[in-house]
Amino acid sequence: MKQTLLILVLTFTVQFYAQTNGKTYYKDVVDNCVEDLNKQINQAWADKENEKAKKLFKQLINDCIKGKYLSNYDFKTIKNDIISTDKIEKPILLLTSATWCAPCWGEIPTLNKLAKKYDDELELIVLFWNKKKDLKKMAGKYDKRIHLIPSQNEPTDKSSIMISGFNHKLDYPAAYLIDKDKKIIDLTRGAAFPSDKMTWEEVNKINEKKLTEFMSPLIK
């Protein structure tokens, strides 16, 4: 009887807290919401249904990303420091990257410029698909103000990253805009990169414009 009563009290407490807290956490929806819609998006691209894919991606951001909250994540940097998201008092730009991703290289000069310009207003964190041993060359290109977080385990799925409990499933580069209350405001993907048709100057201009507009809800 006492055990049953205890279970009922605990259940009521959890339900009451969930109702009064009023928050939906990203970790609780990513495995189902993001994954299911992403499969539909990839299928639409494969079927060359481009407009359908774009609509589904907007739905994914609105249903699965925007308005969701971060739990606390203890990220271990490439320098072996621990960055706890709960202790960050500024808004966060949380990015994903990989050494084999050309657009990820293309956006580095822009990230460095933004890190310097908005150092007092924004915390920049980059999560890498790669382990620390494979990041020496790429890591050297980033401004020291940017926290670089290598994967701890050998990655297997090229489309996703799992670091310290944070599960990213949306390819690279991607950027999550997170306010100081740890609510995800928005997500964007992609970046320009140099090619025979585009110079570094053009790339930097495109990437800076895109990310500055993306960050505008949280910066002056």
N, C-alpha and C. Protein backbone atom coordinates (compact mmCIF):
# COMPACT_ATOMS: atom_id res chain seq x y z
N MET A 1 0.83 -1.20 0.00
CA MET A 1 0.00 0.00 0.00
C MET A 1 0.88 1.27 0.00
N LYS A 2 1.87 1.27 0.88
CA LYS A 2 2.76 2.43 0.96
C LYS A 2 3.52 2.62 -0.35
N GLN A 3 3.94 1.48 -0.95
CA GLN A 3 4.68 1.56 -2.20
C GLN A 3 3.79 2.12 -3.32
N THR A 4 2.54 1.68 -3.36
CA THR A 4 1.60 2.18 -4.37
C THR A 4 1.36 3.67 -4.19
N LEU A 5 1.20 4.09 -2.94
CA LEU A 5 0.98 5.51 -2.65
C LEU A 5 2.18 6.34 -3.09
N LEU A 6 3.38 5.81 -2.83
CA LEU A 6 4.61 6.52 -3.21
C LEU A 6 4.68 6.69 -4.73
N ILE A 7 4.34 5.64 -5.45
CA ILE A 7 4.36 5.69 -6.92
C ILE A 7 3.37 6.74 -7.42
N LEU A 8 2.18 6.78 -6.82
CA LEU A 8 1.16 7.76 -7.23
C LEU A 8 1.63 9.20 -6.97
N VAL A 9 2.26 9.39 -5.81
CA VAL A 9 2.77 10.73 -5.47
C VAL A 9 3.85 11.16 -6.45
N LEU A 10 4.77 10.23 -6.74
CA LEU A 10 5.85 10.56 -7.67
C LEU A 10 5.31 10.85 -9.06
N THR A 11 4.34 10.06 -9.50
CA THR A 11 3.73 10.27 -10.82
C THR A 11 3.06 11.63 -10.89
N PHE A 12 2.31 11.98 -9.84
CA PHE A 12 1.63 13.27 -9.79
C PHE A 12 2.65 14.42 -9.81
N THR A 13 3.73 14.23 -9.06
CA THR A 13 4.77 15.28 -8.99
C THR A 13 5.40 15.53 -10.34
N VAL A 14 5.73 14.43 -11.06
CA VAL A 14 6.34 14.55 -12.39
C VAL A 14 5.37 15.23 -13.36
N GLN A 15 4.09 14.81 -13.33
CA GLN A 15 3.10 15.41 -14.22
C GLN A 15 2.88 16.87 -13.89
N PHE A 16 2.84 17.19 -12.60
CA PHE A 16 2.63 18.58 -12.19
C PHE A 16 3.80 19.45 -12.64
N TYR A 17 5.02 18.91 -12.46
CA TYR A 17 6.20 19.68 -12.88
C TYR A 17 6.20 19.91 -14.37
N ALA A 18 5.85 18.87 -15.14
CA ALA A 18 5.83 19.00 -16.60
C ALA A 18 4.83 20.06 -17.03
N GLN A 19 3.67 20.10 -16.34
CA GLN A 19 2.64 21.07 -16.70
C GLN A 19 3.06 22.49 -16.32
N THR A 20 3.61 22.65 -15.11
CA THR A 20 3.98 23.99 -14.67
C THR A 20 5.25 24.48 -15.36
N ASN A 21 6.15 23.56 -15.65
CA ASN A 21 7.38 23.93 -16.34
C ASN A 21 7.07 24.41 -17.75
N GLY A 22 6.18 23.71 -18.42
CA GLY A 22 5.71 24.13 -19.73
C GLY A 22 6.76 24.10 -20.82
N LYS A 23 7.78 23.28 -20.67
CA LYS A 23 8.85 23.23 -21.66
C LYS A 23 8.91 21.87 -22.34
N THR A 24 9.19 21.91 -23.65
CA THR A 24 9.47 20.68 -24.38
C THR A 24 10.95 20.69 -24.72
N TYR A 25 11.63 19.62 -24.36
CA TYR A 25 13.07 19.57 -24.57
C TYR A 25 13.43 18.88 -25.88
N TYR A 26 14.43 19.44 -26.52
CA TYR A 26 14.88 18.92 -27.82
C TYR A 26 15.21 17.43 -27.73
N LYS A 27 15.85 17.03 -26.64
CA LYS A 27 16.27 15.63 -26.49
C LYS A 27 15.09 14.67 -26.50
N ASP A 28 13.90 15.16 -26.15
CA ASP A 28 12.73 14.30 -26.07
C ASP A 28 12.00 14.15 -27.40
N VAL A 29 12.35 14.97 -28.39
CA VAL A 29 11.65 14.90 -29.67
C VAL A 29 12.56 14.52 -30.83
N VAL A 30 13.87 14.64 -30.63
CA VAL A 30 14.79 14.46 -31.75
C VAL A 30 14.73 13.07 -32.36
N ASP A 31 14.63 12.03 -31.53
CA ASP A 31 14.67 10.67 -32.06
C ASP A 31 13.49 10.34 -32.95
N ASN A 32 12.33 10.90 -32.65
CA ASN A 32 11.14 10.59 -33.43
C ASN A 32 10.80 11.69 -34.43
N CYS A 33 10.56 12.89 -33.93
CA CYS A 33 10.10 13.99 -34.77
C CYS A 33 11.10 14.31 -35.89
N VAL A 34 12.34 14.56 -35.52
CA VAL A 34 13.35 14.93 -36.51
C VAL A 34 13.63 13.78 -37.46
N GLU A 35 13.83 12.61 -36.91
CA GLU A 35 14.21 11.46 -37.74
C GLU A 35 13.12 11.10 -38.74
N ASP A 36 11.87 11.08 -38.29
CA ASP A 36 10.77 10.71 -39.19
C ASP A 36 10.61 11.69 -40.33
N LEU A 37 10.61 12.99 -40.01
CA LEU A 37 10.45 13.99 -41.06
C LEU A 37 11.66 14.03 -41.98
N ASN A 38 12.83 13.81 -41.44
CA ASN A 38 14.04 13.83 -42.26
C ASN A 38 14.03 12.70 -43.28
N LYS A 39 13.51 11.56 -42.90
CA LYS A 39 13.39 10.45 -43.85
C LYS A 39 12.46 10.83 -45.00
N GLN A 40 11.36 11.51 -44.66
CA GLN A 40 10.44 11.95 -45.70
C GLN A 40 11.08 12.99 -46.62
N ILE A 41 11.89 13.87 -46.03
CA ILE A 41 12.59 14.89 -46.81
C ILE A 41 13.57 14.24 -47.79
N ASN A 42 14.36 13.30 -47.30
CA ASN A 42 15.34 12.63 -48.15
C ASN A 42 14.67 11.86 -49.28
N GLN A 43 13.52 11.26 -48.98
CA GLN A 43 12.78 10.53 -50.01
C GLN A 43 12.24 11.50 -51.07
N ALA A 44 11.76 12.66 -50.62
CA ALA A 44 11.25 13.66 -51.56
C ALA A 44 12.36 14.16 -52.49
N TRP A 45 13.56 14.39 -51.92
CA TRP A 45 14.69 14.79 -52.77
C TRP A 45 15.03 13.69 -53.76
N ALA A 46 15.03 12.44 -53.28
CA ALA A 46 15.35 11.31 -54.16
C ALA A 46 14.35 11.18 -55.30
N ASP A 47 13.09 11.53 -55.02
CA ASP A 47 12.03 11.46 -56.03
C ASP A 47 11.95 12.74 -56.86
N LYS A 48 12.88 13.67 -56.61
CA LYS A 48 12.95 14.96 -57.32
C LYS A 48 11.70 15.81 -57.08
N GLU A 49 11.10 15.61 -55.90
CA GLU A 49 9.96 16.44 -55.49
C GLU A 49 10.49 17.57 -54.62
N ASN A 50 11.15 18.53 -55.27
CA ASN A 50 11.89 19.56 -54.55
C ASN A 50 11.02 20.45 -53.67
N GLU A 51 9.87 20.84 -54.17
CA GLU A 51 8.99 21.71 -53.41
C GLU A 51 8.45 21.00 -52.17
N LYS A 52 8.14 19.72 -52.33
CA LYS A 52 7.67 18.92 -51.20
C LYS A 52 8.77 18.83 -50.13
N ALA A 53 10.01 18.61 -50.59
CA ALA A 53 11.14 18.51 -49.65
C ALA A 53 11.33 19.81 -48.87
N LYS A 54 11.20 20.94 -49.56
CA LYS A 54 11.37 22.24 -48.90
C LYS A 54 10.27 22.48 -47.87
N LYS A 55 9.04 22.11 -48.21
CA LYS A 55 7.92 22.28 -47.27
C LYS A 55 8.10 21.39 -46.04
N LEU A 56 8.56 20.17 -46.27
CA LEU A 56 8.77 19.25 -45.16
C LEU A 56 9.89 19.73 -44.24
N PHE A 57 10.93 20.34 -44.82
CA PHE A 57 12.02 20.85 -44.00
C PHE A 57 11.54 22.01 -43.12
N LYS A 58 10.71 22.88 -43.69
CA LYS A 58 10.14 23.97 -42.89
C LYS A 58 9.28 23.40 -41.76
N GLN A 59 8.53 22.35 -42.08
CA GLN A 59 7.70 21.70 -41.06
C GLN A 59 8.58 21.11 -39.96
N LEU A 60 9.70 20.50 -40.36
CA LEU A 60 10.62 19.91 -39.38
C LEU A 60 11.14 20.98 -38.42
N ILE A 61 11.57 22.11 -38.96
CA ILE A 61 12.10 23.18 -38.11
C ILE A 61 11.02 23.69 -37.16
N ASN A 62 9.82 23.90 -37.68
CA ASN A 62 8.73 24.45 -36.86
C ASN A 62 8.23 23.45 -35.81
N ASP A 63 8.12 22.18 -36.19
CA ASP A 63 7.55 21.18 -35.29
C ASP A 63 8.58 20.58 -34.32
N CYS A 64 9.82 20.44 -34.77
CA CYS A 64 10.80 19.67 -34.00
C CYS A 64 11.92 20.50 -33.38
N ILE A 65 12.15 21.70 -33.89
CA ILE A 65 13.31 22.49 -33.46
C ILE A 65 12.91 23.75 -32.71
N LYS A 66 12.18 24.62 -33.37
CA LYS A 66 11.83 25.92 -32.79
C LYS A 66 11.03 25.77 -31.50
N GLY A 67 11.42 26.55 -30.50
CA GLY A 67 10.68 26.54 -29.24
C GLY A 67 11.04 25.43 -28.30
N LYS A 68 11.90 24.50 -28.74
CA LYS A 68 12.34 23.42 -27.86
C LYS A 68 13.52 23.91 -27.03
N TYR A 69 13.73 23.29 -25.88
CA TYR A 69 14.77 23.74 -24.95
C TYR A 69 15.93 22.74 -24.88
N LEU A 70 17.11 23.29 -24.62
CA LEU A 70 18.27 22.44 -24.38
C LEU A 70 18.26 21.93 -22.95
N SER A 71 18.57 20.68 -22.76
CA SER A 71 18.95 20.19 -21.44
C SER A 71 20.40 20.66 -21.22
N ASN A 72 20.95 20.38 -20.07
CA ASN A 72 22.36 20.75 -19.89
C ASN A 72 23.25 19.73 -20.58
N TYR A 73 24.22 20.24 -21.33
CA TYR A 73 25.20 19.38 -21.98
C TYR A 73 26.59 19.80 -21.53
N ASP A 74 27.38 18.82 -21.10
CA ASP A 74 28.76 19.08 -20.69
C ASP A 74 29.66 18.69 -21.86
N PHE A 75 30.01 19.68 -22.67
CA PHE A 75 30.83 19.43 -23.85
C PHE A 75 32.31 19.52 -23.50
N LYS A 76 33.08 18.52 -23.93
CA LYS A 76 34.53 18.51 -23.71
C LYS A 76 35.23 19.07 -24.94
N THR A 77 35.94 20.19 -24.77
CA THR A 77 36.56 20.85 -25.90
C THR A 77 37.82 20.12 -26.35
N ILE A 78 38.34 20.58 -27.48
CA ILE A 78 39.56 19.99 -28.02
C ILE A 78 40.75 20.23 -27.09
N LYS A 79 40.61 21.22 -26.18
CA LYS A 79 41.65 21.50 -25.18
C LYS A 79 41.38 20.81 -23.85
N ASN A 80 40.35 19.93 -23.85
CA ASN A 80 39.96 19.16 -22.66
C ASN A 80 39.29 19.99 -21.57
N ASP A 81 38.81 21.18 -21.91
CA ASP A 81 37.98 21.96 -20.99
C ASP A 81 36.54 21.47 -21.09
N ILE A 82 35.76 21.69 -20.03
CA ILE A 82 34.35 21.32 -20.04
C ILE A 82 33.50 22.59 -20.17
N ILE A 83 32.66 22.61 -21.18
CA ILE A 83 31.73 23.71 -21.39
C ILE A 83 30.32 23.21 -21.07
N SER A 84 29.74 23.68 -19.98
CA SER A 84 28.38 23.28 -19.59
C SER A 84 27.40 24.33 -20.10
N THR A 85 26.45 23.90 -20.90
CA THR A 85 25.53 24.87 -21.50
C THR A 85 24.70 25.61 -20.44
N ASP A 86 24.40 24.96 -19.33
CA ASP A 86 23.63 25.62 -18.27
C ASP A 86 24.37 26.81 -17.67
N LYS A 87 25.69 26.80 -17.76
CA LYS A 87 26.49 27.87 -17.15
C LYS A 87 26.76 29.03 -18.12
N ILE A 88 26.35 28.87 -19.35
CA ILE A 88 26.52 29.94 -20.34
C ILE A 88 25.36 30.93 -20.19
N GLU A 89 25.68 32.18 -19.95
CA GLU A 89 24.65 33.18 -19.70
C GLU A 89 24.28 33.98 -20.94
N LYS A 90 25.03 33.80 -22.00
CA LYS A 90 24.76 34.49 -23.26
C LYS A 90 23.98 33.57 -24.21
N PRO A 91 23.35 34.14 -25.24
CA PRO A 91 22.81 33.28 -26.30
C PRO A 91 23.92 32.44 -26.92
N ILE A 92 23.54 31.34 -27.56
CA ILE A 92 24.51 30.40 -28.12
C ILE A 92 24.25 30.19 -29.61
N LEU A 93 25.31 30.20 -30.39
CA LEU A 93 25.25 29.72 -31.77
C LEU A 93 25.95 28.37 -31.76
N LEU A 94 25.15 27.30 -31.87
CA LEU A 94 25.67 25.94 -31.82
C LEU A 94 25.75 25.40 -33.24
N LEU A 95 26.96 25.11 -33.70
CA LEU A 95 27.18 24.71 -35.09
C LEU A 95 27.66 23.27 -35.18
N THR A 96 27.47 22.68 -36.35
CA THR A 96 27.98 21.33 -36.60
C THR A 96 28.91 21.37 -37.80
N SER A 97 29.93 20.50 -37.78
CA SER A 97 30.93 20.53 -38.83
C SER A 97 31.58 19.16 -39.00
N ALA A 98 32.29 19.01 -40.13
CA ALA A 98 33.05 17.78 -40.40
C ALA A 98 34.20 18.13 -41.34
N THR A 99 35.32 17.45 -41.21
CA THR A 99 36.49 17.78 -42.02
C THR A 99 36.28 17.52 -43.50
N TRP A 100 35.39 16.57 -43.84
CA TRP A 100 35.16 16.23 -45.25
C TRP A 100 34.05 17.06 -45.88
N CYS A 101 33.55 18.05 -45.13
CA CYS A 101 32.44 18.90 -45.60
C CYS A 101 32.99 20.22 -46.14
N ALA A 102 32.97 20.41 -47.47
CA ALA A 102 33.53 21.62 -48.09
C ALA A 102 32.86 22.90 -47.59
N PRO A 103 31.53 22.97 -47.48
CA PRO A 103 30.91 24.19 -46.95
C PRO A 103 31.32 24.52 -45.52
N CYS A 104 31.68 23.48 -44.75
CA CYS A 104 32.14 23.72 -43.37
C CYS A 104 33.44 24.50 -43.36
N TRP A 105 34.34 24.19 -44.28
CA TRP A 105 35.57 24.95 -44.43
C TRP A 105 35.25 26.36 -44.91
N GLY A 106 34.27 26.45 -45.81
CA GLY A 106 33.93 27.73 -46.40
C GLY A 106 33.40 28.75 -45.41
N GLU A 107 32.76 28.30 -44.32
CA GLU A 107 32.17 29.25 -43.39
C GLU A 107 33.12 29.65 -42.25
N ILE A 108 34.29 29.03 -42.16
CA ILE A 108 35.20 29.33 -41.05
C ILE A 108 35.61 30.81 -40.98
N PRO A 109 36.01 31.45 -42.08
CA PRO A 109 36.37 32.88 -41.97
C PRO A 109 35.23 33.75 -41.44
N THR A 110 34.00 33.42 -41.82
CA THR A 110 32.84 34.16 -41.32
C THR A 110 32.64 33.92 -39.83
N LEU A 111 32.78 32.68 -39.39
CA LEU A 111 32.63 32.38 -37.96
C LEU A 111 33.68 33.11 -37.14
N ASN A 112 34.89 33.16 -37.65
CA ASN A 112 35.96 33.87 -36.94
C ASN A 112 35.63 35.36 -36.81
N LYS A 113 35.10 35.94 -37.86
CA LYS A 113 34.74 37.35 -37.84
C LYS A 113 33.60 37.60 -36.85
N LEU A 114 32.62 36.72 -36.86
CA LEU A 114 31.47 36.87 -35.95
C LEU A 114 31.89 36.66 -34.50
N ALA A 115 32.80 35.72 -34.28
CA ALA A 115 33.29 35.46 -32.91
C ALA A 115 33.97 36.69 -32.33
N LYS A 116 34.71 37.38 -33.16
CA LYS A 116 35.40 38.59 -32.72
C LYS A 116 34.42 39.74 -32.51
N LYS A 117 33.50 39.90 -33.45
CA LYS A 117 32.56 41.03 -33.43
C LYS A 117 31.54 40.91 -32.30
N TYR A 118 31.07 39.69 -32.03
CA TYR A 118 29.99 39.51 -31.06
C TYR A 118 30.42 38.73 -29.82
N ASP A 119 31.68 38.84 -29.48
CA ASP A 119 32.22 38.09 -28.35
C ASP A 119 31.46 38.35 -27.04
N ASP A 120 30.99 39.57 -26.84
CA ASP A 120 30.28 39.92 -25.61
C ASP A 120 28.80 39.53 -25.64
N GLU A 121 28.30 39.18 -26.81
CA GLU A 121 26.86 38.94 -26.97
C GLU A 121 26.49 37.50 -27.25
N LEU A 122 27.46 36.70 -27.70
CA LEU A 122 27.12 35.38 -28.21
C LEU A 122 28.25 34.39 -27.94
N GLU A 123 27.88 33.15 -27.59
CA GLU A 123 28.86 32.07 -27.41
C GLU A 123 28.79 31.16 -28.63
N LEU A 124 29.93 30.93 -29.26
CA LEU A 124 29.99 30.05 -30.43
C LEU A 124 30.59 28.71 -30.05
N ILE A 125 29.85 27.64 -30.38
CA ILE A 125 30.28 26.27 -30.10
C ILE A 125 30.14 25.46 -31.38
N VAL A 126 31.21 24.73 -31.74
CA VAL A 126 31.16 23.88 -32.93
C VAL A 126 31.31 22.42 -32.53
N LEU A 127 30.33 21.61 -32.90
CA LEU A 127 30.38 20.17 -32.67
C LEU A 127 30.87 19.48 -33.94
N PHE A 128 31.88 18.64 -33.79
CA PHE A 128 32.47 17.99 -34.96
C PHE A 128 32.07 16.52 -35.06
N TRP A 129 31.86 16.08 -36.27
CA TRP A 129 31.63 14.66 -36.56
C TRP A 129 32.90 13.87 -36.28
N ASN A 130 34.06 14.52 -36.44
CA ASN A 130 35.35 13.86 -36.32
C ASN A 130 35.84 13.78 -34.88
N LYS A 131 36.69 12.81 -34.62
CA LYS A 131 37.36 12.71 -33.33
C LYS A 131 38.54 13.69 -33.28
N LYS A 132 39.04 13.93 -32.09
CA LYS A 132 40.10 14.91 -31.86
C LYS A 132 41.34 14.66 -32.73
N LYS A 133 41.72 13.42 -32.89
CA LYS A 133 42.95 13.09 -33.61
C LYS A 133 42.90 13.50 -35.09
N ASP A 134 41.70 13.70 -35.61
CA ASP A 134 41.55 14.04 -37.02
C ASP A 134 41.29 15.53 -37.26
N LEU A 135 41.36 16.33 -36.21
CA LEU A 135 40.94 17.73 -36.32
C LEU A 135 42.08 18.75 -36.31
N LYS A 136 43.32 18.29 -36.25
CA LYS A 136 44.43 19.23 -36.07
C LYS A 136 44.45 20.32 -37.14
N LYS A 137 44.35 19.96 -38.39
CA LYS A 137 44.43 20.94 -39.47
C LYS A 137 43.24 21.89 -39.46
N MET A 138 42.04 21.35 -39.33
CA MET A 138 40.83 22.18 -39.37
C MET A 138 40.73 23.06 -38.13
N ALA A 139 41.03 22.49 -36.97
CA ALA A 139 40.90 23.24 -35.71
C ALA A 139 41.79 24.47 -35.71
N GLY A 140 42.94 24.39 -36.37
CA GLY A 140 43.87 25.50 -36.41
C GLY A 140 43.35 26.71 -37.18
N LYS A 141 42.29 26.54 -37.92
CA LYS A 141 41.73 27.63 -38.71
C LYS A 141 40.73 28.49 -37.93
N TYR A 142 40.27 28.00 -36.78
CA TYR A 142 39.23 28.70 -36.02
C TYR A 142 39.81 29.71 -35.04
N ASP A 143 39.06 30.78 -34.83
CA ASP A 143 39.39 31.76 -33.81
C ASP A 143 39.36 31.11 -32.43
N LYS A 144 40.24 31.54 -31.53
CA LYS A 144 40.33 30.94 -30.20
C LYS A 144 39.11 31.18 -29.34
N ARG A 145 38.27 32.13 -29.73
CA ARG A 145 37.04 32.39 -28.96
C ARG A 145 35.97 31.32 -29.20
N ILE A 146 36.14 30.54 -30.24
CA ILE A 146 35.15 29.53 -30.60
C ILE A 146 35.49 28.21 -29.91
N HIS A 147 34.51 27.62 -29.22
CA HIS A 147 34.71 26.34 -28.53
C HIS A 147 34.56 25.19 -29.53
N LEU A 148 35.60 24.40 -29.67
CA LEU A 148 35.61 23.29 -30.62
C LEU A 148 35.44 21.98 -29.87
N ILE A 149 34.39 21.23 -30.23
CA ILE A 149 34.02 20.01 -29.50
C ILE A 149 34.14 18.79 -30.42
N PRO A 150 35.18 17.97 -30.25
CA PRO A 150 35.30 16.77 -31.09
C PRO A 150 34.37 15.66 -30.61
N SER A 151 34.06 14.75 -31.51
CA SER A 151 33.29 13.57 -31.13
C SER A 151 34.14 12.69 -30.22
N GLN A 152 33.50 12.06 -29.26
CA GLN A 152 34.23 11.20 -28.32
C GLN A 152 34.30 9.76 -28.81
N ASN A 153 33.30 9.36 -29.61
CA ASN A 153 33.26 8.00 -30.12
C ASN A 153 33.50 7.97 -31.62
N GLU A 154 33.93 6.84 -32.12
CA GLU A 154 34.16 6.71 -33.55
C GLU A 154 32.83 6.85 -34.29
N PRO A 155 32.68 7.87 -35.14
CA PRO A 155 31.41 8.09 -35.83
C PRO A 155 31.14 7.01 -36.88
N THR A 156 29.86 6.71 -37.06
CA THR A 156 29.48 5.70 -38.05
C THR A 156 28.51 6.26 -39.09
N ASP A 157 27.59 7.08 -38.65
CA ASP A 157 26.59 7.66 -39.54
C ASP A 157 27.03 9.06 -39.95
N LYS A 158 27.24 9.27 -41.25
CA LYS A 158 27.75 10.56 -41.71
C LYS A 158 26.76 11.70 -41.58
N SER A 159 25.49 11.40 -41.38
CA SER A 159 24.49 12.46 -41.33
C SER A 159 24.22 12.96 -39.92
N SER A 160 24.86 12.34 -38.91
CA SER A 160 24.50 12.71 -37.53
C SER A 160 25.71 12.77 -36.61
N ILE A 161 25.51 13.46 -35.48
CA ILE A 161 26.52 13.59 -34.43
C ILE A 161 25.83 13.32 -33.09
N MET A 162 26.48 12.58 -32.21
CA MET A 162 26.02 12.40 -30.84
C MET A 162 27.18 12.72 -29.92
N ILE A 163 27.08 13.87 -29.21
CA ILE A 163 28.15 14.28 -28.30
C ILE A 163 27.54 14.68 -26.96
N SER A 164 27.97 14.03 -25.91
CA SER A 164 27.53 14.34 -24.54
C SER A 164 26.01 14.37 -24.42
N GLY A 165 25.34 13.55 -25.20
CA GLY A 165 23.89 13.47 -25.14
C GLY A 165 23.17 14.31 -26.17
N PHE A 166 23.88 15.28 -26.79
CA PHE A 166 23.24 16.10 -27.82
C PHE A 166 23.25 15.33 -29.14
N ASN A 167 22.08 15.17 -29.73
CA ASN A 167 21.92 14.35 -30.92
C ASN A 167 21.54 15.24 -32.11
N HIS A 168 22.48 15.38 -33.05
CA HIS A 168 22.23 16.16 -34.26
C HIS A 168 22.04 15.20 -35.43
N LYS A 169 20.97 15.39 -36.23
CA LYS A 169 20.65 14.45 -37.30
C LYS A 169 20.50 15.13 -38.66
N LEU A 170 20.97 16.36 -38.80
CA LEU A 170 20.61 17.14 -39.98
C LEU A 170 21.80 17.61 -40.81
N ASP A 171 22.81 16.78 -40.96
CA ASP A 171 23.93 17.05 -41.86
C ASP A 171 24.73 18.30 -41.47
N TYR A 172 25.59 18.75 -42.40
CA TYR A 172 26.58 19.78 -42.10
C TYR A 172 26.77 20.75 -43.27
N PRO A 173 27.13 21.98 -42.98
CA PRO A 173 27.07 22.60 -41.65
C PRO A 173 25.63 22.96 -41.30
N ALA A 174 25.35 22.95 -40.03
CA ALA A 174 24.05 23.40 -39.53
C ALA A 174 24.31 24.32 -38.34
N ALA A 175 23.35 25.20 -38.07
CA ALA A 175 23.51 26.13 -36.95
C ALA A 175 22.20 26.25 -36.18
N TYR A 176 22.27 26.04 -34.87
CA TYR A 176 21.14 26.23 -33.97
C TYR A 176 21.31 27.58 -33.27
N LEU A 177 20.30 28.42 -33.32
CA LEU A 177 20.32 29.70 -32.61
C LEU A 177 19.54 29.52 -31.31
N ILE A 178 20.21 29.74 -30.18
CA ILE A 178 19.66 29.42 -28.86
C ILE A 178 19.72 30.66 -27.97
N ASP A 179 18.60 31.04 -27.37
CA ASP A 179 18.60 32.24 -26.53
C ASP A 179 19.19 31.95 -25.15
N LYS A 180 19.30 32.99 -24.33
CA LYS A 180 19.97 32.82 -23.03
C LYS A 180 19.18 31.95 -22.06
N ASP A 181 17.88 31.71 -22.36
CA ASP A 181 17.08 30.80 -21.55
C ASP A 181 17.16 29.37 -22.06
N LYS A 182 18.01 29.15 -23.06
CA LYS A 182 18.27 27.83 -23.66
C LYS A 182 17.12 27.35 -24.54
N LYS A 183 16.36 28.28 -25.08
CA LYS A 183 15.32 27.92 -26.04
C LYS A 183 15.87 28.05 -27.45
N ILE A 184 15.62 27.05 -28.29
CA ILE A 184 16.08 27.09 -29.67
C ILE A 184 15.15 28.01 -30.47
N ILE A 185 15.73 29.06 -31.02
CA ILE A 185 14.97 30.05 -31.78
C ILE A 185 14.81 29.63 -33.23
N ASP A 186 15.86 29.03 -33.81
CA ASP A 186 15.81 28.67 -35.22
C ASP A 186 16.96 27.75 -35.57
N LEU A 187 16.90 27.20 -36.78
CA LEU A 187 17.97 26.36 -37.31
C LEU A 187 18.15 26.69 -38.78
N THR A 188 19.40 26.71 -39.23
CA THR A 188 19.68 26.87 -40.65
C THR A 188 20.75 25.87 -41.06
N ARG A 189 20.79 25.56 -42.36
CA ARG A 189 21.79 24.62 -42.87
C ARG A 189 22.49 25.21 -44.09
N GLY A 190 23.70 24.71 -44.34
CA GLY A 190 24.41 25.05 -45.56
C GLY A 190 25.28 26.28 -45.44
N ALA A 191 26.23 26.39 -46.36
CA ALA A 191 27.12 27.55 -46.44
C ALA A 191 27.76 27.56 -47.82
N ALA A 192 28.14 28.74 -48.27
CA ALA A 192 28.86 28.87 -49.53
C ALA A 192 30.31 28.45 -49.34
N PHE A 193 30.96 28.00 -50.42
CA PHE A 193 32.38 27.63 -50.35
C PHE A 193 33.03 27.92 -51.70
N PRO A 194 34.33 28.15 -51.69
CA PRO A 194 35.02 28.53 -52.94
C PRO A 194 34.97 27.44 -54.00
N SER A 195 34.89 27.88 -55.24
CA SER A 195 34.89 26.96 -56.38
C SER A 195 35.38 27.72 -57.60
N ASP A 196 35.34 27.08 -58.74
CA ASP A 196 35.75 27.75 -59.98
C ASP A 196 34.83 28.93 -60.30
N LYS A 197 33.63 28.88 -59.74
CA LYS A 197 32.65 29.93 -60.04
C LYS A 197 32.48 30.94 -58.91
N MET A 198 33.17 30.72 -57.77
CA MET A 198 32.97 31.61 -56.63
C MET A 198 34.28 31.82 -55.87
N THR A 199 34.66 33.09 -55.69
CA THR A 199 35.90 33.43 -55.00
C THR A 199 35.68 33.44 -53.48
N TRP A 200 36.78 33.48 -52.73
CA TRP A 200 36.67 33.58 -51.27
C TRP A 200 35.95 34.87 -50.87
N GLU A 201 36.20 35.94 -51.58
CA GLU A 201 35.54 37.20 -51.26
C GLU A 201 34.02 37.09 -51.39
N GLU A 202 33.58 36.43 -52.45
CA GLU A 202 32.15 36.23 -52.66
C GLU A 202 31.57 35.28 -51.60
N VAL A 203 32.32 34.23 -51.31
CA VAL A 203 31.89 33.26 -50.30
C VAL A 203 31.71 33.93 -48.95
N ASN A 204 32.69 34.71 -48.53
CA ASN A 204 32.62 35.37 -47.23
C ASN A 204 31.45 36.34 -47.15
N LYS A 205 31.19 37.04 -48.23
CA LYS A 205 30.08 37.99 -48.26
C LYS A 205 28.74 37.27 -48.10
N ILE A 206 28.58 36.16 -48.82
CA ILE A 206 27.34 35.39 -48.74
C ILE A 206 27.14 34.79 -47.35
N ASN A 207 28.19 34.17 -46.82
CA ASN A 207 28.08 33.52 -45.52
C ASN A 207 27.86 34.51 -44.39
N GLU A 208 28.54 35.65 -44.46
CA GLU A 208 28.36 36.65 -43.40
C GLU A 208 26.95 37.22 -43.42
N LYS A 209 26.43 37.48 -44.60
CA LYS A 209 25.07 38.01 -44.71
C LYS A 209 24.06 36.99 -44.17
N LYS A 210 24.23 35.74 -44.56
CA LYS A 210 23.29 34.70 -44.12
C LYS A 210 23.29 34.52 -42.60
N LEU A 211 24.48 34.37 -42.01
CA LEU A 211 24.54 34.12 -40.57
C LEU A 211 24.19 35.34 -39.74
N THR A 212 24.54 36.52 -40.22
CA THR A 212 24.19 37.75 -39.49
C THR A 212 22.68 37.92 -39.44
N GLU A 213 22.01 37.68 -40.55
CA GLU A 213 20.54 37.75 -40.58
C GLU A 213 19.93 36.67 -39.69
N PHE A 214 20.52 35.48 -39.72
CA PHE A 214 20.04 34.38 -38.89
C PHE A 214 20.14 34.69 -37.41
N MET A 215 21.25 35.36 -37.03
CA MET A 215 21.50 35.68 -35.63
C MET A 215 20.77 36.94 -35.16
N SER A 216 20.21 37.69 -36.08
CA SER A 216 19.67 39.02 -35.77
C SER A 216 18.63 39.06 -34.64
N PRO A 217 17.83 38.02 -34.43
CA PRO A 217 16.89 38.10 -33.29
C PRO A 217 17.56 38.20 -31.92
N LEU A 218 18.85 37.83 -31.83
CA LEU A 218 19.51 37.77 -30.53
C LEU A 218 20.73 38.67 -30.39
N ILE A 219 21.05 39.42 -31.44
CA ILE A 219 22.21 40.32 -31.35
C ILE A 219 21.78 41.75 -31.68
N LYS A 220 22.56 42.71 -31.21
CA LYS A 220 22.25 44.12 -31.43
C LYS A 220 22.72 44.55 -32.81
